[in-house]
Amino acid sequence: MAQHAEGGRPFERARTELLFGEWLRRARRRAEARTHLHAALQVFDRTGARPWAVRARMELAATGESAGPAPVDRGAAPGLTPRSCRSSGWPRGT
C-alpha cells in the first residue's frame, strides 16, 4: 500500500485494496478485510468502475456486511450499452 500512497493513481490503489481485502477475508480476518474493501468500493463507485464495485460488494457481503445499493447513474440511458449510447446520440443533442 505504501507504494500507492505517493503515486496518485486511485484506481490502482483501489484494486490493491480489493485484492488485499479478499486475501484477508479468506484468511478469516473479516474485520480487517472490511476496511480495505470499503476503501476500494468508494473509489470504484466514484470512478464508475461497476464490475470492480460489484466484486467489492460481493466480498463485503462475504464478510457479513452489506455495502448498500450501488449508486444510480442518472446520465445513462436505461438498457443501452456505452457504445449504443454514443451511436444513438444519447443524451440528446450530442
Foldseek 3Di string as FASTA:
>chain_A
DVVVPPVPDQQVQLVVLQVVLLVCVVVVNLVVSLVSLLSSLVVCLVVVVVVSNVSSQVSNVSSVDGPDDRDDDPQDDPPDDPVRCVVVCPPPPD
